[in-house]
């Protein structure tokens, strides 16, 4: 286990490269645009100008109206690794990937 409570096995769950638009909701701040770079059932990498810390109350909106609680694991420049508070169920994950794959990825340079 790492100090953040995640095992290496969880950290290494299968990731899928997906360039899609998302909205980052951080408590006390206006919603901010983010680009989703990759995703797994346990987390994701985003590119965003949002100011995040390990204490931030984060919700990410990948599909309109669906907010997923997450926590910051790492930050490097504008890129951030987020761990989902509750991993996505397999039955929800695959339809999400399909929906994200059809997203207009106009910000593909971000990732």
C-alpha atoms as a PDB file:
ATOM      1  CA  UNK A   1       0.000   0.000   0.000  1.00  0.00           C
ATOM      2  CA  UNK A   2       1.058   3.547  -0.577  1.00  0.00           C
ATOM      3  CA  UNK A   3       0.537   6.298   1.951  1.00  0.00           C
ATOM      4  CA  UNK A   4      -2.659   7.330   0.164  1.00  0.00           C
ATOM      5  CA  UNK A   5      -4.342   3.990   0.884  1.00  0.00           C
ATOM      6  CA  UNK A   6      -4.277   2.657  -2.676  1.00  0.00           C
ATOM      7  CA  UNK A   7      -2.554  -0.635  -3.425  1.00  0.00           C
ATOM      8  CA  UNK A   8      -0.269  -0.960  -6.425  1.00  0.00           C
ATOM      9  CA  UNK A   9      -2.769  -3.401  -7.954  1.00  0.00           C
ATOM     10  CA  UNK A  10      -5.509  -0.780  -7.776  1.00  0.00           C
ATOM     11  CA  UNK A  11      -3.198   1.924  -9.121  1.00  0.00           C
ATOM     12  CA  UNK A  12      -2.380  -0.256 -12.091  1.00  0.00           C
ATOM     13  CA  UNK A  13      -5.921  -1.106 -13.161  1.00  0.00           C
ATOM     14  CA  UNK A  14      -6.482  -1.109 -16.920  1.00  0.00           C
ATOM     15  CA  UNK A  15      -6.516   2.417 -18.305  1.00  0.00           C
ATOM     16  CA  UNK A  16      -8.119   3.542 -21.525  1.00  0.00           C
ATOM     17  CA  UNK A  17      -6.849   6.563 -23.426  1.00  0.00           C
ATOM     18  CA  UNK A  18      -9.846   8.780 -24.063  1.00  0.00           C
ATOM     19  CA  UNK A  19      -9.769  12.434 -25.018  1.00  0.00           C
ATOM     20  CA  UNK A  20     -13.056  13.958 -23.883  1.00  0.00           C
ATOM     21  CA  UNK A  21     -14.404  17.121 -22.332  1.00  0.00           C
ATOM     22  CA  UNK A  22     -15.353  17.104 -18.646  1.00  0.00           C
ATOM     23  CA  UNK A  23     -16.419  19.621 -16.031  1.00  0.00           C
ATOM     24  CA  UNK A  24     -14.551  19.796 -12.756  1.00  0.00           C
ATOM     25  CA  UNK A  25     -16.548  20.852  -9.690  1.00  0.00           C
ATOM     26  CA  UNK A  26     -14.429  21.890  -6.707  1.00  0.00           C
ATOM     27  CA  UNK A  27     -16.232  23.053  -3.558  1.00  0.00           C
ATOM     28  CA  UNK A  28     -16.125  26.825  -3.205  1.00  0.00           C
ATOM     29  CA  UNK A  29     -15.155  27.453  -6.842  1.00  0.00           C
ATOM     30  CA  UNK A  30     -16.989  27.903 -10.116  1.00  0.00           C
ATOM     31  CA  UNK A  31     -17.147  24.769 -12.302  1.00  0.00           C
ATOM     32  CA  UNK A  32     -14.160  24.572 -14.621  1.00  0.00           C
ATOM     33  CA  UNK A  33     -13.482  22.839 -17.917  1.00  0.00           C
ATOM     34  CA  UNK A  34     -11.167  19.852 -17.930  1.00  0.00           C
ATOM     35  CA  UNK A  35      -9.939  17.441 -20.562  1.00  0.00           C
ATOM     36  CA  UNK A  36     -10.078  13.754 -19.729  1.00  0.00           C
ATOM     37  CA  UNK A  37      -6.844  12.087 -20.885  1.00  0.00           C
ATOM     38  CA  UNK A  38      -7.384   8.518 -19.695  1.00  0.00           C
ATOM     39  CA  UNK A  39      -9.728   6.615 -17.437  1.00  0.00           C
ATOM     40  CA  UNK A  40      -9.996   3.362 -15.516  1.00  0.00           C
ATOM     41  CA  UNK A  41     -12.658   1.979 -13.204  1.00  0.00           C
ATOM     42  CA  UNK A  42     -10.707   3.457 -10.278  1.00  0.00           C
ATOM     43  CA  UNK A  43      -9.652   6.876 -11.543  1.00  0.00           C
ATOM     44  CA  UNK A  44      -8.495   9.121 -14.334  1.00  0.00           C
ATOM     45  CA  UNK A  45      -5.953  11.641 -15.542  1.00  0.00           C
ATOM     46  CA  UNK A  46      -7.253  15.086 -16.412  1.00  0.00           C
ATOM     47  CA  UNK A  47      -5.748  18.265 -17.808  1.00  0.00           C
ATOM     48  CA  UNK A  48      -7.173  21.380 -16.151  1.00  0.00           C
ATOM     49  CA  UNK A  49      -6.316  24.851 -14.930  1.00  0.00           C
ATOM     50  CA  UNK A  50      -8.265  24.173 -11.715  1.00  0.00           C
ATOM     51  CA  UNK A  51      -6.465  24.736  -8.439  1.00  0.00           C
ATOM     52  CA  UNK A  52      -6.509  21.344  -6.691  1.00  0.00           C
ATOM     53  CA  UNK A  53      -5.062  20.061  -3.436  1.00  0.00           C
ATOM     54  CA  UNK A  54      -5.312  16.826  -1.496  1.00  0.00           C
ATOM     55  CA  UNK A  55      -7.995  18.515   0.631  1.00  0.00           C
ATOM     56  CA  UNK A  56     -10.158  19.629  -2.316  1.00  0.00           C
ATOM     57  CA  UNK A  57     -13.760  18.410  -2.412  1.00  0.00           C
ATOM     58  CA  UNK A  58     -13.762  17.259  -6.056  1.00  0.00           C
ATOM     59  CA  UNK A  59     -16.586  16.077  -8.282  1.00  0.00           C
ATOM     60  CA  UNK A  60     -16.004  15.341 -11.965  1.00  0.00           C
ATOM     61  CA  UNK A  61     -18.792  15.459 -14.529  1.00  0.00           C
ATOM     62  CA  UNK A  62     -18.027  13.203 -17.492  1.00  0.00           C
ATOM     63  CA  UNK A  63     -21.650  12.763 -18.574  1.00  0.00           C
ATOM     64  CA  UNK A  64     -24.030  15.697 -18.159  1.00  0.00           C
ATOM     65  CA  UNK A  65     -25.716  15.592 -14.772  1.00  0.00           C
ATOM     66  CA  UNK A  66     -23.602  12.741 -13.344  1.00  0.00           C
ATOM     67  CA  UNK A  67     -21.085  13.920 -10.742  1.00  0.00           C
ATOM     68  CA  UNK A  68     -18.432  11.438  -9.607  1.00  0.00           C
ATOM     69  CA  UNK A  69     -16.708  12.207  -6.272  1.00  0.00           C
ATOM     70  CA  UNK A  70     -12.920  11.980  -6.561  1.00  0.00           C
ATOM     71  CA  UNK A  71      -9.748  12.792  -4.675  1.00  0.00           C
ATOM     72  CA  UNK A  72      -6.455  14.195  -5.914  1.00  0.00           C
ATOM     73  CA  UNK A  73      -3.630  11.628  -5.936  1.00  0.00           C
ATOM     74  CA  UNK A  74      -0.960  13.564  -7.821  1.00  0.00           C
ATOM     75  CA  UNK A  75      -0.474  16.815  -9.693  1.00  0.00           C
ATOM     76  CA  UNK A  76       2.159  17.730 -12.291  1.00  0.00           C
ATOM     77  CA  UNK A  77       1.702  21.040 -14.079  1.00  0.00           C
ATOM     78  CA  UNK A  78      -1.852  21.119 -15.417  1.00  0.00           C
ATOM     79  CA  UNK A  79      -2.223  17.325 -15.304  1.00  0.00           C
ATOM     80  CA  UNK A  80      -3.774  15.621 -12.298  1.00  0.00           C
ATOM     81  CA  UNK A  81      -4.409  12.027 -11.292  1.00  0.00           C
ATOM     82  CA  UNK A  82      -7.784  11.560  -9.628  1.00  0.00           C
ATOM     83  CA  UNK A  83      -8.952   8.497  -7.723  1.00  0.00           C
ATOM     84  CA  UNK A  84     -12.686   7.887  -7.737  1.00  0.00           C
ATOM     85  CA  UNK A  85     -14.131   7.633  -4.225  1.00  0.00           C
ATOM     86  CA  UNK A  86     -16.264   4.700  -5.432  1.00  0.00           C
ATOM     87  CA  UNK A  87     -14.850   2.651  -8.342  1.00  0.00           C
ATOM     88  CA  UNK A  88     -17.108   2.451 -11.374  1.00  0.00           C
ATOM     89  CA  UNK A  89     -18.992  -0.827 -11.674  1.00  0.00           C
ATOM     90  CA  UNK A  90     -18.144  -2.842 -14.790  1.00  0.00           C
ATOM     91  CA  UNK A  91     -21.767  -2.547 -15.962  1.00  0.00           C
ATOM     92  CA  UNK A  92     -21.449   1.257 -15.829  1.00  0.00           C
ATOM     93  CA  UNK A  93     -17.863   1.514 -17.064  1.00  0.00           C
ATOM     94  CA  UNK A  94     -18.206   0.064 -20.561  1.00  0.00           C
ATOM     95  CA  UNK A  95     -21.224   2.212 -21.552  1.00  0.00           C
ATOM     96  CA  UNK A  96     -19.319   5.238 -20.200  1.00  0.00           C
ATOM     97  CA  UNK A  97     -16.327   4.417 -22.426  1.00  0.00           C
ATOM     98  CA  UNK A  98     -18.614   4.184 -25.451  1.00  0.00           C
ATOM     99  CA  UNK A  99     -20.237   7.522 -24.597  1.00  0.00           C
ATOM    100  CA  UNK A 100     -16.853   9.191 -24.087  1.00  0.00           C
ATOM    101  CA  UNK A 101     -15.507   7.763 -27.343  1.00  0.00           C
ATOM    102  CA  UNK A 102     -18.266   9.576 -29.226  1.00  0.00           C
ATOM    103  CA  UNK A 103     -17.502  12.893 -27.465  1.00  0.00           C
ATOM    104  CA  UNK A 104     -16.170  15.757 -29.598  1.00  0.00           C
ATOM    105  CA  UNK A 105     -12.535  15.732 -28.538  1.00  0.00           C
ATOM    106  CA  UNK A 106     -11.628  19.213 -29.743  1.00  0.00           C
ATOM    107  CA  UNK A 107      -8.991  19.615 -27.008  1.00  0.00           C
ATOM    108  CA  UNK A 108      -6.852  16.636 -28.007  1.00  0.00           C
ATOM    109  CA  UNK A 109      -3.652  18.710 -27.751  1.00  0.00           C
ATOM    110  CA  UNK A 110      -4.059  18.930 -23.963  1.00  0.00           C
ATOM    111  CA  UNK A 111      -3.109  15.302 -23.337  1.00  0.00           C
END
